[in-house]
N, C-alpha and C. Protein backbone atom coordinates (compact mmCIF):
# COMPACT_ATOMS: atom_id res chain seq x y z
N LEU A 1 52.43 38.14 12.97
CA LEU A 1 51.45 38.53 11.97
C LEU A 1 51.71 39.96 11.47
N ALA A 2 52.09 40.84 12.37
CA ALA A 2 52.41 42.21 11.98
C ALA A 2 53.61 42.24 11.04
N LEU A 3 54.60 41.40 11.31
CA LEU A 3 55.77 41.33 10.46
C LEU A 3 55.40 40.82 9.06
N LEU A 4 54.51 39.86 9.01
CA LEU A 4 54.05 39.33 7.72
C LEU A 4 53.32 40.41 6.92
N ARG A 5 52.51 41.22 7.56
CA ARG A 5 51.82 42.32 6.88
C ARG A 5 52.81 43.34 6.34
N ILE A 6 53.82 43.64 7.10
CA ILE A 6 54.84 44.60 6.67
C ILE A 6 55.57 44.05 5.44
N GLU A 7 55.94 42.76 5.49
CA GLU A 7 56.62 42.15 4.35
C GLU A 7 55.73 42.16 3.11
N TYR A 8 54.45 41.88 3.31
CA TYR A 8 53.51 41.91 2.18
C TYR A 8 53.48 43.30 1.55
N ARG A 9 53.34 44.34 2.37
CA ARG A 9 53.29 45.71 1.84
C ARG A 9 54.58 46.08 1.12
N GLU A 10 55.71 45.63 1.65
CA GLU A 10 56.99 46.00 1.06
C GLU A 10 57.36 45.19 -0.18
N LYS A 11 57.01 43.91 -0.20
CA LYS A 11 57.50 43.04 -1.26
C LYS A 11 56.43 42.59 -2.25
N ALA A 12 55.30 42.15 -1.77
CA ALA A 12 54.29 41.57 -2.67
C ALA A 12 53.37 42.61 -3.29
N GLU A 13 52.98 43.60 -2.53
CA GLU A 13 52.01 44.57 -3.03
C GLU A 13 52.45 45.28 -4.31
N PRO A 14 53.72 45.69 -4.45
CA PRO A 14 54.13 46.32 -5.72
C PRO A 14 53.95 45.39 -6.92
N TYR A 15 54.19 44.10 -6.74
CA TYR A 15 54.00 43.14 -7.84
C TYR A 15 52.53 42.97 -8.18
N LEU A 16 51.68 43.01 -7.19
CA LEU A 16 50.25 42.92 -7.45
C LEU A 16 49.76 44.14 -8.23
N ASN A 17 50.33 45.30 -7.94
CA ASN A 17 49.96 46.50 -8.70
C ASN A 17 50.38 46.37 -10.16
N VAL A 18 51.56 45.83 -10.41
CA VAL A 18 52.02 45.61 -11.78
C VAL A 18 51.10 44.62 -12.47
N LEU A 19 50.78 43.53 -11.81
CA LEU A 19 49.87 42.53 -12.38
C LEU A 19 48.51 43.14 -12.67
N HIS A 20 48.03 43.98 -11.80
CA HIS A 20 46.75 44.65 -11.99
C HIS A 20 46.77 45.52 -13.24
N ASN A 21 47.90 46.16 -13.52
CA ASN A 21 48.01 47.01 -14.71
C ASN A 21 48.18 46.21 -15.99
N VAL A 22 48.78 45.03 -15.92
CA VAL A 22 49.05 44.22 -17.11
C VAL A 22 47.86 43.36 -17.49
N VAL A 23 47.17 42.82 -16.52
CA VAL A 23 46.05 41.91 -16.79
C VAL A 23 44.74 42.69 -16.66
N PRO A 24 43.97 42.75 -17.76
CA PRO A 24 42.75 43.55 -17.74
C PRO A 24 41.62 42.87 -16.96
N SER A 25 40.62 43.63 -16.64
CA SER A 25 39.40 43.06 -16.09
C SER A 25 38.61 42.45 -17.25
N LYS A 26 37.65 41.63 -16.95
CA LYS A 26 36.85 41.00 -18.00
C LYS A 26 36.15 42.06 -18.86
N ASP A 27 35.67 43.11 -18.24
CA ASP A 27 34.98 44.18 -18.98
C ASP A 27 35.89 44.87 -19.99
N GLN A 28 37.18 44.88 -19.74
CA GLN A 28 38.13 45.52 -20.66
C GLN A 28 38.38 44.68 -21.91
N LEU A 29 37.85 43.47 -21.96
CA LEU A 29 38.02 42.61 -23.13
C LEU A 29 36.89 42.79 -24.14
N ILE A 30 36.02 43.74 -23.93
CA ILE A 30 34.86 43.94 -24.80
C ILE A 30 35.27 44.18 -26.25
N ASP A 31 36.41 44.81 -26.47
CA ASP A 31 36.87 45.12 -27.82
C ASP A 31 37.94 44.16 -28.33
N LEU A 32 38.05 42.99 -27.72
CA LEU A 32 39.09 42.04 -28.10
C LEU A 32 39.07 41.72 -29.59
N SER A 33 37.93 41.39 -30.13
CA SER A 33 37.82 41.06 -31.55
C SER A 33 38.23 42.24 -32.43
N LYS A 34 37.77 43.43 -32.07
CA LYS A 34 38.13 44.63 -32.85
C LYS A 34 39.62 44.91 -32.78
N ASP A 35 40.21 44.69 -31.61
CA ASP A 35 41.65 44.94 -31.46
C ASP A 35 42.47 43.98 -32.33
N PHE A 36 42.06 42.71 -32.39
CA PHE A 36 42.72 41.78 -33.31
C PHE A 36 42.51 42.22 -34.76
N GLN A 37 41.31 42.69 -35.06
CA GLN A 37 40.99 43.08 -36.43
C GLN A 37 41.83 44.27 -36.89
N VAL A 38 42.10 45.19 -35.99
CA VAL A 38 42.95 46.34 -36.33
C VAL A 38 44.33 45.87 -36.78
N ILE A 39 44.89 44.91 -36.06
CA ILE A 39 46.21 44.39 -36.43
C ILE A 39 46.12 43.65 -37.76
N ALA A 40 45.09 42.84 -37.95
CA ALA A 40 44.93 42.10 -39.21
C ALA A 40 44.74 43.06 -40.38
N SER A 41 43.95 44.10 -40.18
CA SER A 41 43.72 45.08 -41.25
C SER A 41 45.00 45.82 -41.61
N SER A 42 45.82 46.11 -40.62
CA SER A 42 47.07 46.82 -40.90
C SER A 42 48.00 45.99 -41.79
N GLU A 43 47.81 44.67 -41.78
CA GLU A 43 48.61 43.77 -42.62
C GLU A 43 47.83 43.33 -43.87
N LYS A 44 46.62 43.92 -44.06
CA LYS A 44 45.77 43.59 -45.21
C LYS A 44 45.41 42.11 -45.27
N LEU A 45 45.04 41.56 -44.11
CA LEU A 45 44.69 40.15 -44.00
C LEU A 45 43.18 39.96 -43.97
N ASP A 46 42.71 38.85 -44.55
CA ASP A 46 41.33 38.42 -44.32
C ASP A 46 41.26 38.00 -42.86
N TYR A 47 40.11 38.24 -42.23
CA TYR A 47 40.05 38.09 -40.78
C TYR A 47 38.73 37.46 -40.35
N GLY A 48 38.80 36.50 -39.45
CA GLY A 48 37.62 35.94 -38.81
C GLY A 48 37.92 35.65 -37.35
N PHE A 49 36.99 35.96 -36.47
CA PHE A 49 37.15 35.77 -35.02
C PHE A 49 36.04 34.88 -34.51
N THR A 50 36.39 33.93 -33.64
CA THR A 50 35.40 33.06 -33.03
C THR A 50 35.64 33.03 -31.52
N PHE A 51 34.59 33.27 -30.76
CA PHE A 51 34.64 33.15 -29.31
C PHE A 51 34.45 31.68 -28.97
N LEU A 52 35.39 31.08 -28.23
CA LEU A 52 35.36 29.64 -27.96
C LEU A 52 35.02 29.28 -26.52
N GLY A 53 34.85 30.25 -25.68
CA GLY A 53 34.49 29.94 -24.29
C GLY A 53 35.23 30.81 -23.30
N GLU A 54 34.92 30.56 -22.05
CA GLU A 54 35.46 31.39 -20.98
C GLU A 54 35.68 30.55 -19.74
N SER A 55 36.77 30.81 -19.04
CA SER A 55 37.05 30.21 -17.74
C SER A 55 37.12 31.34 -16.73
N PRO A 56 36.29 31.30 -15.70
CA PRO A 56 36.29 32.41 -14.72
C PRO A 56 37.54 32.39 -13.85
N PRO A 57 37.92 33.54 -13.32
CA PRO A 57 39.07 33.58 -12.42
C PRO A 57 38.74 32.90 -11.09
N SER A 58 39.77 32.44 -10.43
CA SER A 58 39.59 31.86 -9.10
C SER A 58 40.65 32.44 -8.18
N ALA A 59 40.67 31.99 -6.96
CA ALA A 59 41.67 32.46 -6.01
C ALA A 59 43.08 32.04 -6.44
N GLU A 60 43.18 30.94 -7.21
CA GLU A 60 44.48 30.42 -7.60
C GLU A 60 44.91 30.81 -9.01
N SER A 61 43.96 31.22 -9.86
CA SER A 61 44.35 31.46 -11.26
C SER A 61 43.54 32.59 -11.89
N LEU A 62 44.09 33.11 -12.96
CA LEU A 62 43.40 34.14 -13.74
C LEU A 62 42.30 33.51 -14.57
N GLY A 63 41.33 34.31 -14.94
CA GLY A 63 40.32 33.85 -15.88
C GLY A 63 40.86 33.97 -17.29
N SER A 64 40.18 33.33 -18.23
CA SER A 64 40.61 33.46 -19.62
C SER A 64 39.42 33.39 -20.55
N VAL A 65 39.55 34.07 -21.66
CA VAL A 65 38.60 34.02 -22.76
C VAL A 65 39.30 33.28 -23.88
N LYS A 66 38.73 32.16 -24.32
CA LYS A 66 39.30 31.37 -25.41
C LYS A 66 38.78 31.91 -26.74
N PHE A 67 39.65 31.93 -27.76
CA PHE A 67 39.27 32.47 -29.06
C PHE A 67 39.91 31.67 -30.17
N GLY A 68 39.36 31.84 -31.36
CA GLY A 68 39.95 31.32 -32.58
C GLY A 68 40.06 32.45 -33.59
N LEU A 69 41.14 32.50 -34.32
CA LEU A 69 41.33 33.48 -35.38
C LEU A 69 41.61 32.73 -36.67
N ASN A 70 40.96 33.15 -37.74
CA ASN A 70 41.21 32.63 -39.08
C ASN A 70 41.68 33.80 -39.93
N LEU A 71 42.91 33.69 -40.42
CA LEU A 71 43.52 34.78 -41.18
C LEU A 71 43.97 34.28 -42.54
N GLY A 72 43.90 35.15 -43.51
CA GLY A 72 44.37 34.80 -44.85
C GLY A 72 45.09 35.97 -45.48
N GLY A 73 46.13 35.67 -46.27
CA GLY A 73 46.88 36.72 -46.93
C GLY A 73 48.27 36.23 -47.29
N GLU A 74 49.15 37.18 -47.55
CA GLU A 74 50.54 36.85 -47.88
C GLU A 74 51.25 36.30 -46.65
N LEU A 75 52.17 35.37 -46.87
CA LEU A 75 52.89 34.74 -45.77
C LEU A 75 53.59 35.76 -44.89
N ASN A 76 54.27 36.73 -45.48
CA ASN A 76 54.97 37.74 -44.68
C ASN A 76 54.01 38.54 -43.81
N ALA A 77 52.82 38.83 -44.33
CA ALA A 77 51.81 39.56 -43.55
C ALA A 77 51.33 38.72 -42.37
N LEU A 78 51.16 37.42 -42.58
CA LEU A 78 50.75 36.53 -41.48
C LEU A 78 51.84 36.48 -40.40
N LEU A 79 53.08 36.40 -40.82
CA LEU A 79 54.17 36.38 -39.85
C LEU A 79 54.28 37.71 -39.12
N ASN A 80 54.04 38.82 -39.82
CA ASN A 80 54.03 40.13 -39.17
C ASN A 80 52.91 40.22 -38.15
N PHE A 81 51.75 39.62 -38.45
CA PHE A 81 50.65 39.59 -37.49
C PHE A 81 51.11 38.93 -36.19
N LEU A 82 51.79 37.80 -36.31
CA LEU A 82 52.30 37.11 -35.11
C LEU A 82 53.27 38.00 -34.34
N LYS A 83 54.15 38.69 -35.05
CA LYS A 83 55.09 39.59 -34.38
C LYS A 83 54.34 40.71 -33.66
N ASN A 84 53.31 41.25 -34.31
CA ASN A 84 52.56 42.37 -33.72
C ASN A 84 51.80 41.96 -32.47
N ILE A 85 51.28 40.74 -32.42
CA ILE A 85 50.53 40.37 -31.22
C ILE A 85 51.45 40.03 -30.05
N GLN A 86 52.76 39.91 -30.31
CA GLN A 86 53.69 39.75 -29.20
C GLN A 86 53.69 41.00 -28.31
N ASN A 87 53.40 42.14 -28.89
CA ASN A 87 53.36 43.40 -28.15
C ASN A 87 51.92 43.86 -27.92
N PHE A 88 50.99 42.94 -28.00
CA PHE A 88 49.57 43.23 -27.86
C PHE A 88 49.29 43.74 -26.45
N ARG A 89 48.21 44.48 -26.31
CA ARG A 89 47.89 45.06 -25.01
C ARG A 89 47.32 44.04 -24.03
N TYR A 90 47.05 42.83 -24.51
CA TYR A 90 46.51 41.77 -23.66
C TYR A 90 47.56 40.68 -23.44
N LEU A 91 47.43 39.98 -22.35
CA LEU A 91 48.30 38.84 -22.05
C LEU A 91 47.68 37.62 -22.73
N ILE A 92 48.37 37.10 -23.76
CA ILE A 92 47.82 36.05 -24.62
C ILE A 92 48.61 34.75 -24.43
N ASN A 93 47.87 33.65 -24.52
CA ASN A 93 48.47 32.32 -24.57
C ASN A 93 48.01 31.67 -25.87
N LEU A 94 48.93 31.49 -26.82
CA LEU A 94 48.58 30.81 -28.07
C LEU A 94 48.75 29.30 -27.86
N GLU A 95 47.68 28.55 -28.08
CA GLU A 95 47.69 27.11 -27.86
C GLU A 95 47.97 26.34 -29.14
N ASN A 96 47.59 26.90 -30.28
CA ASN A 96 47.75 26.19 -31.53
C ASN A 96 47.86 27.20 -32.68
N ILE A 97 48.81 26.96 -33.55
CA ILE A 97 48.97 27.76 -34.76
C ILE A 97 49.07 26.80 -35.94
N SER A 98 48.21 26.98 -36.91
CA SER A 98 48.23 26.15 -38.10
C SER A 98 48.40 27.05 -39.32
N LEU A 99 49.38 26.75 -40.14
CA LEU A 99 49.67 27.57 -41.32
C LEU A 99 49.61 26.67 -42.54
N THR A 100 48.81 27.09 -43.53
CA THR A 100 48.68 26.33 -44.77
C THR A 100 48.84 27.27 -45.96
N ARG A 101 49.34 26.72 -47.04
CA ARG A 101 49.49 27.50 -48.27
C ARG A 101 48.43 27.04 -49.24
N GLU A 102 47.66 27.99 -49.76
CA GLU A 102 46.66 27.72 -50.77
C GLU A 102 47.16 28.28 -52.10
N THR A 103 46.36 28.17 -53.13
CA THR A 103 46.78 28.60 -54.46
C THR A 103 47.19 30.06 -54.50
N ASN A 104 46.33 30.95 -54.01
CA ASN A 104 46.57 32.39 -54.14
C ASN A 104 47.12 33.04 -52.88
N GLN A 105 46.98 32.37 -51.75
CA GLN A 105 47.39 32.99 -50.50
C GLN A 105 47.71 31.92 -49.46
N SER A 106 48.17 32.36 -48.31
CA SER A 106 48.40 31.47 -47.18
C SER A 106 47.29 31.70 -46.16
N ARG A 107 47.04 30.67 -45.34
CA ARG A 107 46.03 30.77 -44.29
C ARG A 107 46.68 30.41 -42.96
N MET A 108 46.23 31.10 -41.92
CA MET A 108 46.71 30.80 -40.58
C MET A 108 45.51 30.74 -39.64
N ASP A 109 45.43 29.65 -38.89
CA ASP A 109 44.41 29.48 -37.87
C ASP A 109 45.09 29.48 -36.52
N LEU A 110 44.62 30.33 -35.64
CA LEU A 110 45.17 30.44 -34.29
C LEU A 110 44.10 30.06 -33.28
N ARG A 111 44.49 29.37 -32.23
CA ARG A 111 43.62 29.12 -31.09
C ARG A 111 44.39 29.54 -29.85
N GLY A 112 43.71 30.26 -28.99
CA GLY A 112 44.40 30.72 -27.79
C GLY A 112 43.45 31.31 -26.78
N GLY A 113 44.02 31.98 -25.81
CA GLY A 113 43.25 32.61 -24.76
C GLY A 113 43.86 33.93 -24.35
N VAL A 114 43.02 34.79 -23.84
CA VAL A 114 43.44 36.07 -23.27
C VAL A 114 43.06 36.03 -21.80
N PHE A 115 44.01 36.37 -20.95
CA PHE A 115 43.77 36.30 -19.51
C PHE A 115 43.12 37.58 -18.98
N PHE A 116 42.30 37.41 -17.96
CA PHE A 116 41.71 38.55 -17.26
C PHE A 116 41.65 38.25 -15.78
N ARG A 117 41.51 39.33 -15.01
CA ARG A 117 41.46 39.17 -13.55
C ARG A 117 40.03 39.20 -13.05
């Protein structure tokens, strides 16, 4: 048992510290909608955010906040939005991306989740 504790401190604990820094607490997600909006505004996109639910963390998995985003604007701006959220401060899982072209602009609907500990 002592050997197992030593191995944990040497090998696993540093990874848990990294995970702790990368995955926010639930309270740190309070500005999630605003943070998405900042990126959308930088690309001059129409923006809508919908909270779709929450899954609490467990001993086996992280918790997640499900969301929907509705964006409108030029196609290049929508694609830039996708590029920008790749470097987002949150760990995101995009489940669905729908892109449509309308008369004056393109629309993109995203469904996904942000993980928390």
